[in-house]
C-alpha atoms as a PDB file:
ATOM      1  CA  UNK A   1      -0.012   0.016   0.034  1.00  0.00           C
ATOM      2  CA  UNK A   2       1.158   3.596  -0.809  1.00  0.00           C
ATOM      3  CA  UNK A   3       0.056   6.657   0.973  1.00  0.00           C
ATOM      4  CA  UNK A   4      -0.504  10.334   0.559  1.00  0.00           C
ATOM      5  CA  UNK A   5       0.402  12.999   3.131  1.00  0.00           C
ATOM      6  CA  UNK A   6      -1.966  15.905   3.743  1.00  0.00           C
ATOM      7  CA  UNK A   7      -0.179  19.261   3.053  1.00  0.00           C
ATOM      8  CA  UNK A   8      -3.271  21.518   3.307  1.00  0.00           C
ATOM      9  CA  UNK A   9      -6.438  20.052   4.763  1.00  0.00           C
ATOM     10  CA  UNK A  10      -8.782  22.858   3.597  1.00  0.00           C
ATOM     11  CA  UNK A  11     -11.888  24.186   5.546  1.00  0.00           C
ATOM     12  CA  UNK A  12     -13.501  20.575   5.736  1.00  0.00           C
ATOM     13  CA  UNK A  13     -12.138  17.716   3.766  1.00  0.00           C
ATOM     14  CA  UNK A  14     -13.423  14.160   4.574  1.00  0.00           C
ATOM     15  CA  UNK A  15     -13.133  10.665   3.461  1.00  0.00           C
ATOM     16  CA  UNK A  16     -16.253   9.584   1.710  1.00  0.00           C
ATOM     17  CA  UNK A  17     -17.597   6.481  -0.151  1.00  0.00           C
ATOM     18  CA  UNK A  18     -21.203   5.394  -0.785  1.00  0.00           C
ATOM     19  CA  UNK A  19     -21.930   5.283   2.808  1.00  0.00           C
ATOM     20  CA  UNK A  20     -23.135   2.615   5.369  1.00  0.00           C
ATOM     21  CA  UNK A  21     -26.939   2.128   4.592  1.00  0.00           C
ATOM     22  CA  UNK A  22     -28.946  -0.470   6.558  1.00  0.00           C
ATOM     23  CA  UNK A  23     -28.052   0.651   9.981  1.00  0.00           C
ATOM     24  CA  UNK A  24     -30.806   3.222  10.674  1.00  0.00           C
ATOM     25  CA  UNK A  25     -32.470   0.867  13.134  1.00  0.00           C
ATOM     26  CA  UNK A  26     -29.293   1.269  15.208  1.00  0.00           C
ATOM     27  CA  UNK A  27     -29.462   5.035  14.960  1.00  0.00           C
ATOM     28  CA  UNK A  28     -26.561   5.202  12.511  1.00  0.00           C
ATOM     29  CA  UNK A  29     -27.062   7.493   9.276  1.00  0.00           C
ATOM     30  CA  UNK A  30     -26.121   6.476   5.952  1.00  0.00           C
ATOM     31  CA  UNK A  31     -23.524   9.143   5.378  1.00  0.00           C
ATOM     32  CA  UNK A  32     -21.491   8.877   2.251  1.00  0.00           C
ATOM     33  CA  UNK A  33     -20.584  11.398  -0.603  1.00  0.00           C
ATOM     34  CA  UNK A  34     -23.231  14.164  -0.657  1.00  0.00           C
ATOM     35  CA  UNK A  35     -22.704  14.412  -4.441  1.00  0.00           C
ATOM     36  CA  UNK A  36     -22.815  10.732  -5.338  1.00  0.00           C
ATOM     37  CA  UNK A  37     -22.782  11.170  -9.131  1.00  0.00           C
ATOM     38  CA  UNK A  38     -19.594  13.318  -8.788  1.00  0.00           C
ATOM     39  CA  UNK A  39     -17.980  10.687  -6.434  1.00  0.00           C
ATOM     40  CA  UNK A  40     -18.842   7.808  -8.733  1.00  0.00           C
ATOM     41  CA  UNK A  41     -17.419   9.792 -11.803  1.00  0.00           C
ATOM     42  CA  UNK A  42     -14.169  10.484  -9.977  1.00  0.00           C
ATOM     43  CA  UNK A  43     -13.703   6.867  -9.203  1.00  0.00           C
ATOM     44  CA  UNK A  44     -14.532   5.898 -12.805  1.00  0.00           C
ATOM     45  CA  UNK A  45     -11.955   8.261 -14.209  1.00  0.00           C
ATOM     46  CA  UNK A  46      -9.294   6.986 -11.724  1.00  0.00           C
ATOM     47  CA  UNK A  47      -9.936   3.377 -12.718  1.00  0.00           C
ATOM     48  CA  UNK A  48     -11.786   2.348  -9.484  1.00  0.00           C
ATOM     49  CA  UNK A  49     -15.063   0.598  -8.615  1.00  0.00           C
ATOM     50  CA  UNK A  50     -17.628   3.305  -7.562  1.00  0.00           C
ATOM     51  CA  UNK A  51     -17.605   2.293  -3.978  1.00  0.00           C
ATOM     52  CA  UNK A  52     -13.981   3.244  -3.538  1.00  0.00           C
ATOM     53  CA  UNK A  53     -13.364   5.977  -0.942  1.00  0.00           C
ATOM     54  CA  UNK A  54     -12.622   9.491  -2.175  1.00  0.00           C
ATOM     55  CA  UNK A  55     -11.835  12.871  -0.589  1.00  0.00           C
ATOM     56  CA  UNK A  56     -14.668  15.277  -0.424  1.00  0.00           C
ATOM     57  CA  UNK A  57     -13.502  18.853  -0.069  1.00  0.00           C
ATOM     58  CA  UNK A  58     -15.550  21.867   0.950  1.00  0.00           C
ATOM     59  CA  UNK A  59     -15.148  25.324  -0.837  1.00  0.00           C
ATOM     60  CA  UNK A  60     -11.427  25.832  -0.669  1.00  0.00           C
ATOM     61  CA  UNK A  61     -10.094  22.268  -1.645  1.00  0.00           C
ATOM     62  CA  UNK A  62      -7.081  20.655  -0.316  1.00  0.00           C
ATOM     63  CA  UNK A  63      -3.465  19.539  -1.173  1.00  0.00           C
ATOM     64  CA  UNK A  64      -1.645  16.263  -0.575  1.00  0.00           C
ATOM     65  CA  UNK A  65       1.786  14.924  -1.382  1.00  0.00           C
ATOM     66  CA  UNK A  66       2.314  11.608  -3.238  1.00  0.00           C
ATOM     67  CA  UNK A  67       4.185   8.871  -1.654  1.00  0.00           C
ATOM     68  CA  UNK A  68       4.302   6.975  -4.993  1.00  0.00           C
ATOM     69  CA  UNK A  69       3.159   7.722  -8.565  1.00  0.00           C
ATOM     70  CA  UNK A  70      -0.574   7.590  -8.836  1.00  0.00           C
ATOM     71  CA  UNK A  71      -3.437   8.259 -11.045  1.00  0.00           C
ATOM     72  CA  UNK A  72      -5.902  10.743  -9.649  1.00  0.00           C
ATOM     73  CA  UNK A  73      -9.203  12.524 -10.776  1.00  0.00           C
ATOM     74  CA  UNK A  74     -11.022  15.550  -9.561  1.00  0.00           C
ATOM     75  CA  UNK A  75     -14.692  16.085 -10.167  1.00  0.00           C
ATOM     76  CA  UNK A  76     -17.692  17.817  -8.471  1.00  0.00           C
ATOM     77  CA  UNK A  77     -17.370  21.564  -8.009  1.00  0.00           C
ATOM     78  CA  UNK A  78     -15.109  22.810 -10.707  1.00  0.00           C
ATOM     79  CA  UNK A  79     -11.792  24.147  -9.295  1.00  0.00           C
ATOM     80  CA  UNK A  80      -8.105  24.747 -10.507  1.00  0.00           C
ATOM     81  CA  UNK A  81      -6.014  21.559 -10.130  1.00  0.00           C
ATOM     82  CA  UNK A  82      -2.268  21.795 -10.029  1.00  0.00           C
ATOM     83  CA  UNK A  83       0.665  19.400  -9.715  1.00  0.00           C
ATOM     84  CA  UNK A  84       3.798  21.085  -8.197  1.00  0.00           C
ATOM     85  CA  UNK A  85       2.214  24.412  -9.293  1.00  0.00           C
ATOM     86  CA  UNK A  86       1.642  23.204 -12.703  1.00  0.00           C
ATOM     87  CA  UNK A  87      -2.077  23.460 -14.032  1.00  0.00           C
ATOM     88  CA  UNK A  88      -3.574  19.982 -15.106  1.00  0.00           C
ATOM     89  CA  UNK A  89      -6.941  18.779 -16.147  1.00  0.00           C
ATOM     90  CA  UNK A  90     -10.050  18.784 -13.886  1.00  0.00           C
ATOM     91  CA  UNK A  91     -12.520  15.966 -14.726  1.00  0.00           C
ATOM     92  CA  UNK A  92      -9.940  13.853 -16.339  1.00  0.00           C
ATOM     93  CA  UNK A  93      -7.258  11.213 -15.136  1.00  0.00           C
ATOM     94  CA  UNK A  94      -4.004  12.788 -14.165  1.00  0.00           C
ATOM     95  CA  UNK A  95      -0.872  10.862 -13.467  1.00  0.00           C
ATOM     96  CA  UNK A  96       0.994  12.488 -10.474  1.00  0.00           C
ATOM     97  CA  UNK A  97       4.634  11.447  -9.855  1.00  0.00           C
ATOM     98  CA  UNK A  98       6.040  10.412  -6.484  1.00  0.00           C
ATOM     99  CA  UNK A  99       6.796  13.311  -4.181  1.00  0.00           C
ATOM    100  CA  UNK A 100       4.708  15.759  -6.252  1.00  0.00           C
ATOM    101  CA  UNK A 101       1.982  17.852  -4.444  1.00  0.00           C
ATOM    102  CA  UNK A 102      -1.505  17.668  -5.889  1.00  0.00           C
ATOM    103  CA  UNK A 103      -3.333  20.984  -4.947  1.00  0.00           C
ATOM    104  CA  UNK A 104      -7.077  21.283  -5.661  1.00  0.00           C
ATOM    105  CA  UNK A 105      -7.942  24.927  -5.257  1.00  0.00           C
ATOM    106  CA  UNK A 106     -10.993  26.874  -4.404  1.00  0.00           C
ATOM    107  CA  UNK A 107     -14.184  26.021  -6.045  1.00  0.00           C
ATOM    108  CA  UNK A 108     -15.160  28.260  -8.861  1.00  0.00           C
ATOM    109  CA  UNK A 109     -18.751  27.084  -8.612  1.00  0.00           C
ATOM    110  CA  UNK A 110     -20.516  24.724  -6.267  1.00  0.00           C
ATOM    111  CA  UNK A 111     -19.400  23.691  -2.813  1.00  0.00           C
ATOM    112  CA  UNK A 112     -17.790  20.197  -2.893  1.00  0.00           C
ATOM    113  CA  UNK A 113     -15.084  18.625  -5.049  1.00  0.00           C
ATOM    114  CA  UNK A 114     -14.171  14.894  -5.125  1.00  0.00           C
ATOM    115  CA  UNK A 115     -10.629  13.593  -5.344  1.00  0.00           C
ATOM    116  CA  UNK A 116     -10.214  10.034  -6.324  1.00  0.00           C
ATOM    117  CA  UNK A 117      -6.899   8.076  -6.353  1.00  0.00           C
ATOM    118  CA  UNK A 118      -6.284   4.891  -8.167  1.00  0.00           C
ATOM    119  CA  UNK A 119      -6.921   2.117  -5.466  1.00  0.00           C
ATOM    120  CA  UNK A 120      -9.009   4.429  -3.273  1.00  0.00           C
ATOM    121  CA  UNK A 121      -8.352   5.941   0.077  1.00  0.00           C
ATOM    122  CA  UNK A 122      -7.775   2.685   2.179  1.00  0.00           C
ATOM    123  CA  UNK A 123      -8.466   3.869   5.786  1.00  0.00           C
ATOM    124  CA  UNK A 124     -10.186   1.214   7.868  1.00  0.00           C
ATOM    125  CA  UNK A 125     -13.951   0.755   7.385  1.00  0.00           C
ATOM    126  CA  UNK A 126     -16.284   1.115  10.197  1.00  0.00           C
ATOM    127  CA  UNK A 127     -19.625  -0.863   9.780  1.00  0.00           C
ATOM    128  CA  UNK A 128     -18.670  -1.585   6.261  1.00  0.00           C
ATOM    129  CA  UNK A 129     -17.820   2.145   5.122  1.00  0.00           C
ATOM    130  CA  UNK A 130     -14.906   4.392   5.160  1.00  0.00           C
ATOM    131  CA  UNK A 131     -17.165   7.448   5.296  1.00  0.00           C
ATOM    132  CA  UNK A 132     -16.896  10.138   7.818  1.00  0.00           C
ATOM    133  CA  UNK A 133     -20.326  10.841   9.599  1.00  0.00           C
ATOM    134  CA  UNK A 134     -20.097  14.233  11.225  1.00  0.00           C
ATOM    135  CA  UNK A 135     -23.320  13.736  13.256  1.00  0.00           C
ATOM    136  CA  UNK A 136     -22.329  10.358  14.916  1.00  0.00           C
ATOM    137  CA  UNK A 137     -18.602  10.757  14.689  1.00  0.00           C
ATOM    138  CA  UNK A 138     -18.073   7.468  12.935  1.00  0.00           C
ATOM    139  CA  UNK A 139     -15.335   6.903  10.409  1.00  0.00           C
ATOM    140  CA  UNK A 140     -11.977   8.669   9.987  1.00  0.00           C
ATOM    141  CA  UNK A 141     -11.499  12.246  11.298  1.00  0.00           C
ATOM    142  CA  UNK A 142     -11.618  15.089   8.927  1.00  0.00           C
ATOM    143  CA  UNK A 143      -8.265  15.740   7.285  1.00  0.00           C
ATOM    144  CA  UNK A 144      -5.744  17.591   9.167  1.00  0.00           C
ATOM    145  CA  UNK A 145      -2.188  18.850   7.947  1.00  0.00           C
ATOM    146  CA  UNK A 146       0.551  16.335   8.098  1.00  0.00           C
ATOM    147  CA  UNK A 147      -1.586  13.183   8.477  1.00  0.00           C
ATOM    148  CA  UNK A 148      -0.903  10.305   6.129  1.00  0.00           C
ATOM    149  CA  UNK A 149      -3.558   8.483   4.247  1.00  0.00           C
ATOM    150  CA  UNK A 150      -3.130   4.953   3.008  1.00  0.00           C
ATOM    151  CA  UNK A 151      -4.063   4.169  -0.694  1.00  0.00           C
ATOM    152  CA  UNK A 152      -5.095   0.789  -1.876  1.00  0.00           C
ATOM    153  CA  UNK A 153      -3.617  -1.188  -4.773  1.00  0.00           C
ATOM    154  CA  UNK A 154      -4.715   0.124  -8.110  1.00  0.00           C
ATOM    155  CA  UNK A 155      -7.413  -1.928  -9.912  1.00  0.00           C
ATOM    156  CA  UNK A 156      -6.135  -1.302 -13.379  1.00  0.00           C
ATOM    157  CA  UNK A 157      -5.485   1.436 -15.910  1.00  0.00           C
ATOM    158  CA  UNK A 158      -8.154   4.227 -16.081  1.00  0.00           C
ATOM    159  CA  UNK A 159     -10.283   4.023 -19.114  1.00  0.00           C
ATOM    160  CA  UNK A 160     -11.067   7.728 -19.186  1.00  0.00           C
ATOM    161  CA  UNK A 161     -14.382   8.942 -20.602  1.00  0.00           C
ATOM    162  CA  UNK A 162     -15.348  10.187 -24.080  1.00  0.00           C
ATOM    163  CA  UNK A 163     -18.143  12.400 -22.460  1.00  0.00           C
ATOM    164  CA  UNK A 164     -18.677  13.451 -18.917  1.00  0.00           C
ATOM    165  CA  UNK A 165     -22.491  13.913 -18.197  1.00  0.00           C
ATOM    166  CA  UNK A 166     -22.335  15.962 -15.010  1.00  0.00           C
ATOM    167  CA  UNK A 167     -24.835  18.857 -14.201  1.00  0.00           C
ATOM    168  CA  UNK A 168     -23.171  22.185 -13.401  1.00  0.00           C
ATOM    169  CA  UNK A 169     -23.810  23.369  -9.807  1.00  0.00           C
ATOM    170  CA  UNK A 170     -26.952  25.410  -9.272  1.00  0.00           C
ATOM    171  CA  UNK A 171     -26.217  29.110 -10.061  1.00  0.00           C
ATOM    172  CA  UNK A 172     -29.374  31.221 -10.184  1.00  0.00           C
ATOM    173  CA  UNK A 173     -31.826  28.867  -8.413  1.00  0.00           C
ATOM    174  CA  UNK A 174     -31.957  25.543  -6.870  1.00  0.00           C
ATOM    175  CA  UNK A 175     -35.094  23.659  -7.927  1.00  0.00           C
ATOM    176  CA  UNK A 176     -36.020  20.752  -5.549  1.00  0.00           C
ATOM    177  CA  UNK A 177     -38.929  18.502  -6.358  1.00  0.00           C
ATOM    178  CA  UNK A 178     -41.041  17.869  -3.270  1.00  0.00           C
ATOM    179  CA  UNK A 179     -43.415  15.016  -2.620  1.00  0.00           C
ATOM    180  CA  UNK A 180     -45.903  16.155   0.148  1.00  0.00           C
ATOM    181  CA  UNK A 181     -46.287  14.231   3.342  1.00  0.00           C
ATOM    182  CA  UNK A 182     -46.399  12.609   5.667  1.00  0.00           C
ATOM    183  CA  UNK A 183     -47.175  15.545   8.118  1.00  0.00           C
ATOM    184  CA  UNK A 184     -48.685  18.067   5.785  1.00  0.00           C
ATOM    185  CA  UNK A 185     -51.639  18.147   7.917  1.00  0.00           C
ATOM    186  CA  UNK A 186     -49.601  19.793  10.746  1.00  0.00           C
ATOM    187  CA  UNK A 187     -49.257  22.939   8.712  1.00  0.00           C
ATOM    188  CA  UNK A 188     -51.740  25.781   8.047  1.00  0.00           C
ATOM    189  CA  UNK A 189     -53.548  25.896   4.730  1.00  0.00           C
ATOM    190  CA  UNK A 190     -51.305  27.437   2.132  1.00  0.00           C
ATOM    191  CA  UNK A 191     -48.072  26.079   3.612  1.00  0.00           C
ATOM    192  CA  UNK A 192     -47.308  24.211   0.637  1.00  0.00           C
ATOM    193  CA  UNK A 193     -48.052  27.081  -1.541  1.00  0.00           C
ATOM    194  CA  UNK A 194     -45.471  29.214   0.403  1.00  0.00           C
ATOM    195  CA  UNK A 195     -42.876  26.392  -0.326  1.00  0.00           C
ATOM    196  CA  UNK A 196     -43.775  26.423  -4.059  1.00  0.00           C
ATOM    197  CA  UNK A 197     -43.782  30.215  -4.098  1.00  0.00           C
ATOM    198  CA  UNK A 198     -40.085  30.726  -3.784  1.00  0.00           C
ATOM    199  CA  UNK A 199     -38.440  33.283  -1.695  1.00  0.00           C
ATOM    200  CA  UNK A 200     -36.227  30.795   0.099  1.00  0.00           C
ATOM    201  CA  UNK A 201     -32.349  30.929   0.121  1.00  0.00           C
ATOM    202  CA  UNK A 202     -29.629  28.466   1.175  1.00  0.00           C
ATOM    203  CA  UNK A 203     -28.450  29.309   4.710  1.00  0.00           C
ATOM    204  CA  UNK A 204     -24.797  29.528   5.550  1.00  0.00           C
ATOM    205  CA  UNK A 205     -25.656  27.180   8.471  1.00  0.00           C
ATOM    206  CA  UNK A 206     -26.070  24.388   5.927  1.00  0.00           C
ATOM    207  CA  UNK A 207     -23.726  21.273   6.289  1.00  0.00           C
ATOM    208  CA  UNK A 208     -23.567  17.601   5.555  1.00  0.00           C
ATOM    209  CA  UNK A 209     -26.388  17.054   7.999  1.00  0.00           C
ATOM    210  CA  UNK A 210     -28.962  19.234   6.093  1.00  0.00           C
ATOM    211  CA  UNK A 211     -29.475  21.997   3.684  1.00  0.00           C
ATOM    212  CA  UNK A 212     -31.038  24.753   5.956  1.00  0.00           C
ATOM    213  CA  UNK A 213     -33.039  27.658   4.442  1.00  0.00           C
ATOM    214  CA  UNK A 214     -33.749  31.220   5.143  1.00  0.00           C
ATOM    215  CA  UNK A 215     -36.864  33.132   4.024  1.00  0.00           C
ATOM    216  CA  UNK A 216     -40.573  32.766   4.691  1.00  0.00           C
ATOM    217  CA  UNK A 217     -41.589  30.801   7.844  1.00  0.00           C
ATOM    218  CA  UNK A 218     -44.004  27.940   7.501  1.00  0.00           C
ATOM    219  CA  UNK A 219     -46.936  28.384   9.815  1.00  0.00           C
ATOM    220  CA  UNK A 220     -48.216  25.237  11.822  1.00  0.00           C
ATOM    221  CA  UNK A 221     -51.757  24.468  12.555  1.00  0.00           C
ATOM    222  CA  UNK A 222     -50.872  22.123  15.362  1.00  0.00           C
ATOM    223  CA  UNK A 223     -48.866  22.800  18.358  1.00  0.00           C
ATOM    224  CA  UNK A 224     -46.338  20.670  20.231  1.00  0.00           C
ATOM    225  CA  UNK A 225     -44.092  17.889  19.031  1.00  0.00           C
ATOM    226  CA  UNK A 226     -44.538  14.562  17.496  1.00  0.00           C
ATOM    227  CA  UNK A 227     -43.315  11.513  19.150  1.00  0.00           C
ATOM    228  CA  UNK A 228     -39.791  10.793  17.670  1.00  0.00           C
ATOM    229  CA  UNK A 229     -40.269   9.014  14.319  1.00  0.00           C
ATOM    230  CA  UNK A 230     -37.960   7.733  11.492  1.00  0.00           C
ATOM    231  CA  UNK A 231     -36.439  10.317   9.124  1.00  0.00           C
ATOM    232  CA  UNK A 232     -35.494   9.413   5.527  1.00  0.00           C
ATOM    233  CA  UNK A 233     -32.857  10.891   3.261  1.00  0.00           C
ATOM    234  CA  UNK A 234     -34.344  14.069   1.564  1.00  0.00           C
ATOM    235  CA  UNK A 235     -37.041  14.638   4.372  1.00  0.00           C
ATOM    236  CA  UNK A 236     -37.952  18.297   4.598  1.00  0.00           C
ATOM    237  CA  UNK A 237     -38.363  18.778   8.419  1.00  0.00           C
ATOM    238  CA  UNK A 238     -39.657  22.133   9.793  1.00  0.00           C
ATOM    239  CA  UNK A 239     -38.299  23.100  13.334  1.00  0.00           C
ATOM    240  CA  UNK A 240     -40.107  25.579  15.498  1.00  0.00           C
ATOM    241  CA  UNK A 241     -38.660  28.645  13.673  1.00  0.00           C
ATOM    242  CA  UNK A 242     -40.628  27.515  10.537  1.00  0.00           C
ATOM    243  CA  UNK A 243     -37.603  27.423   8.214  1.00  0.00           C
ATOM    244  CA  UNK A 244     -37.474  24.083   6.209  1.00  0.00           C
ATOM    245  CA  UNK A 245     -34.386  21.884   6.516  1.00  0.00           C
ATOM    246  CA  UNK A 246     -33.748  19.239   3.800  1.00  0.00           C
ATOM    247  CA  UNK A 247     -31.884  16.356   5.277  1.00  0.00           C
ATOM    248  CA  UNK A 248     -28.748  15.250   3.615  1.00  0.00           C
ATOM    249  CA  UNK A 249     -26.397  12.223   4.090  1.00  0.00           C
ATOM    250  CA  UNK A 250     -25.405  12.701   7.778  1.00  0.00           C
ATOM    251  CA  UNK A 251     -28.945  13.433   8.937  1.00  0.00           C
ATOM    252  CA  UNK A 252     -30.380  11.978  12.278  1.00  0.00           C
ATOM    253  CA  UNK A 253     -32.310   8.845  11.835  1.00  0.00           C
ATOM    254  CA  UNK A 254     -35.275  10.071  14.020  1.00  0.00           C
ATOM    255  CA  UNK A 255     -36.794  13.346  14.911  1.00  0.00           C
ATOM    256  CA  UNK A 256     -39.799  14.941  16.484  1.00  0.00           C
ATOM    257  CA  UNK A 257     -40.491  17.933  14.251  1.00  0.00           C
ATOM    258  CA  UNK A 258     -42.954  17.523  11.383  1.00  0.00           C
ATOM    259  CA  UNK A 259     -41.853  16.474   7.862  1.00  0.00           C
ATOM    260  CA  UNK A 260     -43.896  18.437   5.217  1.00  0.00           C
ATOM    261  CA  UNK A 261     -42.469  16.623   2.190  1.00  0.00           C
ATOM    262  CA  UNK A 262     -39.647  14.605   0.818  1.00  0.00           C
ATOM    263  CA  UNK A 263     -37.095  15.667  -1.897  1.00  0.00           C
ATOM    264  CA  UNK A 264     -36.301  12.511  -3.883  1.00  0.00           C
ATOM    265  CA  UNK A 265     -32.767  11.408  -3.659  1.00  0.00           C
ATOM    266  CA  UNK A 266     -31.699  11.885  -7.306  1.00  0.00           C
ATOM    267  CA  UNK A 267     -32.198  15.803  -6.668  1.00  0.00           C
ATOM    268  CA  UNK A 268     -30.002  15.868  -3.532  1.00  0.00           C
ATOM    269  CA  UNK A 269     -26.665  16.105  -5.389  1.00  0.00           C
ATOM    270  CA  UNK A 270     -27.655  19.574  -6.570  1.00  0.00           C
ATOM    271  CA  UNK A 271     -28.591  20.524  -2.902  1.00  0.00           C
ATOM    272  CA  UNK A 272     -24.993  19.363  -1.886  1.00  0.00           C
ATOM    273  CA  UNK A 273     -23.504  21.830  -4.431  1.00  0.00           C
ATOM    274  CA  UNK A 274     -25.738  24.831  -3.664  1.00  0.00           C
ATOM    275  CA  UNK A 275     -23.672  27.909  -2.238  1.00  0.00           C
ATOM    276  CA  UNK A 276     -25.058  29.784   0.538  1.00  0.00           C
ATOM    277  CA  UNK A 277     -27.385  32.618  -0.607  1.00  0.00           C
ATOM    278  CA  UNK A 278     -28.566  30.513  -3.669  1.00  0.00           C
ATOM    279  CA  UNK A 279     -32.355  30.917  -4.251  1.00  0.00           C
ATOM    280  CA  UNK A 280     -34.389  27.737  -3.439  1.00  0.00           C
ATOM    281  CA  UNK A 281     -37.689  26.848  -5.017  1.00  0.00           C
ATOM    282  CA  UNK A 282     -39.650  23.570  -4.123  1.00  0.00           C
ATOM    283  CA  UNK A 283     -41.742  22.179  -6.870  1.00  0.00           C
ATOM    284  CA  UNK A 284     -44.629  20.068  -5.731  1.00  0.00           C
ATOM    285  CA  UNK A 285     -44.920  16.560  -7.098  1.00  0.00           C
ATOM    286  CA  UNK A 286     -48.070  14.549  -6.258  1.00  0.00           C
ATOM    287  CA  UNK A 287     -47.411  10.725  -6.020  1.00  0.00           C
END
């Protein structure tokens, strides 16, 4: 096994794979890469199976020094990529020599970039996953300067890609389909219309647990709290301040605030890349 050494950890860089589903009954969230299409693409470009662990950066990237020559690929939020200060390709396999520093710079759009290494990041798995869960604390610690990260053996040469179908991060407005329920009846008439009417923005308090919103407050028709009940990925929970929260990968498995609707999982990658201040509009979808 080879290794890389963290030179610049960035604001928040974590190891992520496809997560640890199937443990919600134990109170363990799924976790995993917030932008799974970008994570899967990075692995494909690096010649890995899609479940290999990558690095998920937040806003300002990260830098690592290679212990051995390795193929890498950077996807997700577009960002400048350099090897020992020399610009190299984003969204394509790049061979980085031993001793060189790979530097992923600040995102020019979006929030999270994904860095895949041939062989994947080979930190020990916990409950079948190498993902860091910020809520429960499971998995490897977020990156810190000077820390070594082991890499697995490469699976084979990268086959590259003739075309890379990956949507750009939301710019003017984040559109999120919303299936109403199960607690729609806990809200005043017209609450769904308020959701669909726009006026919401991504809050700077958003994180891997949930996309928090600012804007109109949803008015409830029933007071008090629900008995704690199961929460699913994409659930739109409304706390007492009335501002909807879209649950992302590190969300709690139970909660007592009412859920007015659920955003289908395929739309959550866009939520993971929405910058604070981005306009948010919920589009009602009746099952």
